[in-house]
C-alpha cells in the first residue's frame, strides 16, 4: 500500500515537472 502511494506520488510529480517544462519552453519559444 505504501509502495503504491509512493509510486503514485512519483508519477504525479513527474507529470507536474513535465508540464512545467513544456509551459516554460512554450513561453520562451
PDB file of N, CA and C in Angstrom:
ATOM      1  N   UNK A   1       0.840  -1.194   0.000  1.00  0.00           N
ATOM      2  CA  UNK A   1       0.000   0.000   0.000  1.00  0.00           C
ATOM      3  C   UNK A   1       0.877   1.247   0.000  1.00  0.00           C
ATOM      4  N   UNK A   2       1.883   1.260   0.865  1.00  0.00           N
ATOM      5  CA  UNK A   2       2.772   2.422   0.939  1.00  0.00           C
ATOM      6  C   UNK A   2       3.573   2.567  -0.362  1.00  0.00           C
ATOM      7  N   UNK A   3       3.998   1.437  -0.912  1.00  0.00           N
ATOM      8  CA  UNK A   3       4.779   1.487  -2.152  1.00  0.00           C
ATOM      9  C   UNK A   3       3.915   2.014  -3.289  1.00  0.00           C
ATOM     10  N   UNK A   4       2.647   1.600  -3.335  1.00  0.00           N
ATOM     11  CA  UNK A   4       1.736   2.079  -4.377  1.00  0.00           C
ATOM     12  C   UNK A   4       1.540   3.585  -4.252  1.00  0.00           C
ATOM     13  N   UNK A   5       1.397   4.066  -3.018  1.00  0.00           N
ATOM     14  CA  UNK A   5       1.212   5.507  -2.792  1.00  0.00           C
ATOM     15  C   UNK A   5       2.456   6.275  -3.228  1.00  0.00           C
ATOM     16  N   UNK A   6       3.620   5.720  -2.938  1.00  0.00           N
ATOM     17  CA  UNK A   6       4.874   6.381  -3.312  1.00  0.00           C
ATOM     18  C   UNK A   6       4.998   6.425  -4.832  1.00  0.00           C
ATOM     19  N   UNK A   7       4.612   5.340  -5.497  1.00  0.00           N
ATOM     20  CA  UNK A   7       4.685   5.301  -6.961  1.00  0.00           C
ATOM     21  C   UNK A   7       3.725   6.319  -7.553  1.00  0.00           C
ATOM     22  N   UNK A   8       2.530   6.419  -6.992  1.00  0.00           N
ATOM     23  CA  UNK A   8       1.542   7.378  -7.486  1.00  0.00           C
ATOM     24  C   UNK A   8       2.058   8.798  -7.301  1.00  0.00           C
ATOM     25  N   UNK A   9       2.638   9.083  -6.151  1.00  0.00           N
ATOM     26  CA  UNK A   9       3.180  10.419  -5.891  1.00  0.00           C
ATOM     27  C   UNK A   9       4.311  10.737  -6.858  1.00  0.00           C
ATOM     28  N   UNK A  10       5.149   9.750  -7.138  1.00  0.00           N
ATOM     29  CA  UNK A  10       6.264   9.966  -8.052  1.00  0.00           C
ATOM     30  C   UNK A  10       5.774  10.298  -9.455  1.00  0.00           C
ATOM     31  N   UNK A  11       4.733   9.576  -9.902  1.00  0.00           N
ATOM     32  CA  UNK A  11       4.197   9.833 -11.241  1.00  0.00           C
ATOM     33  C   UNK A  11       3.564  11.212 -11.300  1.00  0.00           C
ATOM     34  N   UNK A  12       2.877  11.611 -10.226  1.00  0.00           N
ATOM     35  CA  UNK A  12       2.238  12.934 -10.206  1.00  0.00           C
ATOM     36  C   UNK A  12       3.300  14.021 -10.272  1.00  0.00           C
ATOM     37  N   UNK A  13       4.390  13.836  -9.517  1.00  0.00           N
ATOM     38  CA  UNK A  13       5.481  14.819  -9.525  1.00  0.00           C
ATOM     39  C   UNK A  13       6.112  14.877 -10.916  1.00  0.00           C
ATOM     40  N   UNK A  14       6.284  13.706 -11.534  1.00  0.00           N
ATOM     41  CA  UNK A  14       6.891  13.649 -12.871  1.00  0.00           C
ATOM     42  C   UNK A  14       6.039  14.408 -13.873  1.00  0.00           C
ATOM     43  N   UNK A  15       4.698  14.180 -13.808  1.00  0.00           N
ATOM     44  CA  UNK A  15       3.796  14.876 -14.733  1.00  0.00           C
ATOM     45  C   UNK A  15       3.829  16.380 -14.485  1.00  0.00           C
ATOM     46  N   UNK A  16       3.890  16.777 -13.219  1.00  0.00           N
ATOM     47  CA  UNK A  16       3.915  18.207 -12.887  1.00  0.00           C
ATOM     48  C   UNK A  16       5.179  18.849 -13.458  1.00  0.00           C
ATOM     49  N   UNK A  17       6.318  18.175 -13.311  1.00  0.00           N
ATOM     50  CA  UNK A  17       7.584  18.708 -13.828  1.00  0.00           C
ATOM     51  C   UNK A  17       7.538  18.774 -15.355  1.00  0.00           C
ATOM     52  N   UNK A  18       6.986  17.733 -15.972  1.00  0.00           N
ATOM     53  CA  UNK A  18       6.920  17.700 -17.432  1.00  0.00           C
ATOM     54  C   UNK A  18       6.058  18.845 -17.958  1.00  0.00           C
ATOM     55  N   UNK A  19       4.903  19.062 -17.330  1.00  0.00           N
ATOM     56  CA  UNK A  19       4.006  20.150 -17.744  1.00  0.00           C
ATOM     57  C   UNK A  19       4.683  21.500 -17.530  1.00  0.00           C
ATOM     58  N   UNK A  20       5.384  21.646 -16.412  1.00  0.00           N
ATOM     59  CA  UNK A  20       6.062  22.916 -16.122  1.00  0.00           C
ATOM     60  C   UNK A  20       7.132  23.189 -17.179  1.00  0.00           C
ATOM     61  N   UNK A  21       7.896  22.172 -17.546  1.00  0.00           N
ATOM     62  CA  UNK A  21       8.959  22.344 -18.546  1.00  0.00           C
ATOM     63  C   UNK A  21       8.358  22.718 -19.892  1.00  0.00           C
ATOM     64  N   UNK A  22       7.284  22.043 -20.288  1.00  0.00           N
ATOM     65  CA  UNK A  22       6.655  22.339 -21.578  1.00  0.00           C
ATOM     66  C   UNK A  22       6.086  23.753 -21.573  1.00  0.00           C
ATOM     67  N   UNK A  23       5.549  24.170 -20.446  1.00  0.00           N
ATOM     68  CA  UNK A  23       4.992  25.528 -20.349  1.00  0.00           C
ATOM     69  C   UNK A  23       6.099  26.565 -20.477  1.00  0.00           C
ATOM     70  N   UNK A  24       7.216  26.343 -19.796  1.00  0.00           N
ATOM     71  CA  UNK A  24       8.341  27.285 -19.859  1.00  0.00           C
ATOM     72  C   UNK A  24       8.881  27.352 -21.288  1.00  0.00           C
ATOM     73  N   UNK A  25       9.007  26.191 -21.929  1.00  0.00           N
ATOM     74  CA  UNK A  25       9.509  26.170 -23.306  1.00  0.00           C
ATOM     75  C   UNK A  25       8.532  26.893 -24.224  1.00  0.00           C
ATOM     76  N   UNK A  26       7.242  26.712 -23.991  1.00  0.00           N
ATOM     77  CA  UNK A  26       6.232  27.373 -24.815  1.00  0.00           C
ATOM     78  C   UNK A  26       6.293  28.881 -24.656  1.00  0.00           C
ATOM     79  N   UNK A  27       6.539  29.350 -23.431  1.00  0.00           N
ATOM     80  CA  UNK A  27       6.593  30.795 -23.190  1.00  0.00           C
ATOM     81  C   UNK A  27       7.873  31.390 -23.764  1.00  0.00           C
ATOM     82  N   UNK A  28       8.991  30.675 -23.623  1.00  0.00           N
ATOM     83  CA  UNK A  28      10.265  31.196 -24.112  1.00  0.00           C
ATOM     84  C   UNK A  28      10.302  31.155 -25.635  1.00  0.00           C
ATOM     85  N   UNK A  29       9.783  30.076 -26.229  1.00  0.00           N
ATOM     86  CA  UNK A  29       9.777  29.952 -27.686  1.00  0.00           C
ATOM     87  C   UNK A  29       8.529  30.631 -28.228  1.00  0.00           C
TER      88      UNK A  29
END
